[in-house]
Amino acid sequence: MINLVVITHGEFGAYLVEAAEGIVGPQNGGVRCVGISPRMTVAEVRGRVESALSDLEKADGVVVLTDMPGGTPCNVAIPLCKDRPRVAVISGVNLYMLVTAFNNRSSAGLEDLTEKILSAGRRAVADVKGAFLGKR
């Protein structure tokens, strides 16, 4: 089973996990949220992410999902994960990506799950009105 760490500004990640579990069901472990606040130092953020990674790294792999490229969650995760070959880091997390991760984390390997999550993220960003009206 692939474990997941969701790192976001504020409680965005916790709300995404709650919504995704409402769609696909409880995950019963292997999922951690790290919410950061402007009141936290970078060292505090790093410590919380390191703790989540250490706790969840014992699985078949870990996918770290951050809210946006270049933000503190992503910038803290990258150096902590660079020497961990069984950890992927994906930025731009959305609900569809998390639902996809939950649905596939017990059956897919790390590389396959990473690609499924990335593909879901690309599909989730769409001009749906234009598509339905035949303008795109």
Protein backbone atom coordinates (compact mmCIF):
# COMPACT_ATOMS: atom_id res chain seq x y z
CA MET A 1 0.00 0.00 0.00
CA ILE A 2 1.23 3.47 -0.89
CA ASN A 3 0.88 6.03 1.89
CA LEU A 4 0.01 9.69 1.36
CA VAL A 5 1.15 12.93 2.98
CA VAL A 6 -0.90 16.01 2.07
CA ILE A 7 0.86 19.29 2.87
CA THR A 8 -1.04 22.54 2.38
CA HIS A 9 -1.45 26.08 3.53
CA GLY A 10 -3.99 26.13 6.35
CA GLU A 11 -6.40 23.24 6.69
CA PHE A 12 -7.03 22.90 2.94
CA GLY A 13 -5.47 19.41 2.89
CA ALA A 14 -7.55 18.15 5.80
CA TYR A 15 -10.73 19.33 4.07
CA LEU A 16 -9.65 17.65 0.81
CA VAL A 17 -9.03 14.38 2.65
CA GLU A 18 -12.40 14.64 4.39
CA ALA A 19 -14.18 15.28 1.08
CA ALA A 20 -12.32 12.46 -0.71
CA GLU A 21 -13.13 10.02 2.10
CA GLY A 22 -16.76 11.09 1.80
CA ILE A 23 -16.65 10.00 -1.84
CA VAL A 24 -14.60 6.78 -1.66
CA GLY A 25 -14.76 5.85 2.02
CA PRO A 26 -12.43 6.06 5.03
CA GLN A 27 -8.80 5.25 4.38
CA ASN A 28 -8.11 3.63 7.76
CA GLY A 29 -4.55 4.85 8.07
CA GLY A 30 -1.67 5.67 5.83
CA VAL A 31 -2.79 9.27 5.21
CA ARG A 32 -1.39 12.30 7.01
CA CYS A 33 -2.19 15.98 6.61
CA VAL A 34 0.26 18.71 7.48
CA GLY A 35 -1.32 22.14 7.54
CA ILE A 36 0.99 25.10 7.75
CA SER A 37 0.34 28.55 9.13
CA PRO A 38 2.15 31.88 8.83
CA ARG A 39 2.68 31.61 12.59
CA MET A 40 4.91 28.55 12.10
CA THR A 41 8.62 28.75 11.44
CA VAL A 42 10.11 26.87 8.51
CA ALA A 43 11.85 24.63 11.05
CA GLU A 44 8.47 23.75 12.60
CA VAL A 45 7.01 22.95 9.18
CA ARG A 46 10.06 20.87 8.31
CA GLY A 47 9.77 18.96 11.60
CA ARG A 48 6.10 18.13 11.01
CA VAL A 49 6.74 16.98 7.44
CA GLU A 50 9.76 14.93 8.52
CA SER A 51 7.68 13.28 11.24
CA ALA A 52 4.90 12.38 8.80
CA LEU A 53 7.41 10.98 6.30
CA SER A 54 9.20 8.93 8.95
CA ASP A 55 5.93 7.48 10.22
CA LEU A 56 4.61 6.56 6.76
CA GLU A 57 7.80 5.62 4.93
CA LYS A 58 7.59 1.98 5.99
CA ALA A 59 5.01 1.21 3.29
CA ASP A 60 5.52 0.39 -0.40
CA GLY A 61 6.11 4.07 -0.98
CA VAL A 62 4.82 7.51 -0.13
CA VAL A 63 3.26 10.14 -2.34
CA VAL A 64 3.54 13.67 -1.00
CA LEU A 65 0.85 15.98 -2.35
CA THR A 66 1.33 19.74 -1.94
CA ASP A 67 -1.01 22.56 -2.77
CA MET A 68 1.08 24.66 -5.16
CA PRO A 69 4.51 24.64 -6.80
CA GLY A 70 6.88 27.13 -5.21
CA GLY A 71 4.87 27.40 -1.99
CA THR A 72 6.28 26.59 1.42
CA PRO A 73 4.74 23.08 1.53
CA CYS A 74 6.43 22.16 -1.75
CA ASN A 75 9.68 23.95 -0.93
CA VAL A 76 9.96 22.12 2.40
CA ALA A 77 9.04 18.73 0.94
CA ILE A 78 11.52 18.66 -1.94
CA PRO A 79 14.77 18.68 0.08
CA LEU A 80 13.31 16.21 2.60
CA CYS A 81 12.36 13.79 -0.19
CA LYS A 82 15.28 14.13 -2.60
CA ASP A 83 17.25 11.24 -1.07
CA ARG A 84 14.20 9.02 -0.50
CA PRO A 85 13.78 6.88 -3.62
CA ARG A 86 10.37 5.51 -2.52
CA VAL A 87 8.83 8.99 -2.14
CA ALA A 88 7.20 11.00 -4.94
CA VAL A 89 6.27 14.68 -4.64
CA ILE A 90 3.34 16.06 -6.64
CA SER A 91 2.16 19.64 -6.47
CA GLY A 92 -1.22 21.19 -7.29
CA VAL A 93 -3.36 18.72 -5.35
CA ASN A 94 -7.09 18.81 -6.01
CA LEU A 95 -10.04 16.63 -5.02
CA TYR A 96 -9.97 14.49 -8.16
CA MET A 97 -6.28 13.72 -7.64
CA LEU A 98 -6.91 12.66 -4.06
CA VAL A 99 -9.90 10.47 -4.99
CA THR A 100 -7.70 8.82 -7.62
CA ALA A 101 -4.94 8.27 -5.06
CA PHE A 102 -7.37 6.74 -2.57
CA ASN A 103 -8.89 4.45 -5.20
CA ASN A 104 -5.53 3.15 -6.45
CA ARG A 105 -3.06 3.27 -3.57
CA SER A 106 -3.59 -0.35 -2.53
CA SER A 107 -3.17 -1.83 -6.00
CA ALA A 108 -0.71 0.40 -7.88
CA GLY A 109 3.02 0.70 -7.44
CA LEU A 110 4.60 4.06 -6.65
CA GLU A 111 5.42 5.02 -10.26
CA ASP A 112 2.04 3.89 -11.57
CA LEU A 113 0.15 5.68 -8.80
CA THR A 114 2.15 8.85 -9.38
CA GLU A 115 1.21 8.81 -13.07
CA LYS A 116 -2.45 8.11 -12.29
CA ILE A 117 -2.54 11.06 -9.89
CA LEU A 118 -0.86 13.39 -12.39
CA SER A 119 -3.24 12.30 -15.14
CA ALA A 120 -6.25 12.86 -12.89
CA GLY A 121 -5.01 16.34 -12.05
CA ARG A 122 -4.72 17.23 -15.73
CA ARG A 123 -8.25 15.92 -16.41
CA ALA A 124 -9.69 17.84 -13.46
CA VAL A 125 -8.71 21.22 -14.88
CA ALA A 126 -11.11 21.88 -17.73
CA ASP A 127 -13.38 24.45 -19.33
CA VAL A 128 -16.47 22.30 -18.80
CA LYS A 129 -18.92 24.89 -20.07
CA GLY A 130 -16.98 25.25 -23.31
CA ALA A 131 -16.69 21.49 -23.64
CA PHE A 132 -20.43 20.94 -23.14
CA LEU A 133 -21.33 23.72 -25.55
CA GLY A 134 -18.90 22.44 -28.16
CA LYS A 135 -16.66 25.51 -28.00
CA ARG A 136 -13.57 23.56 -26.97
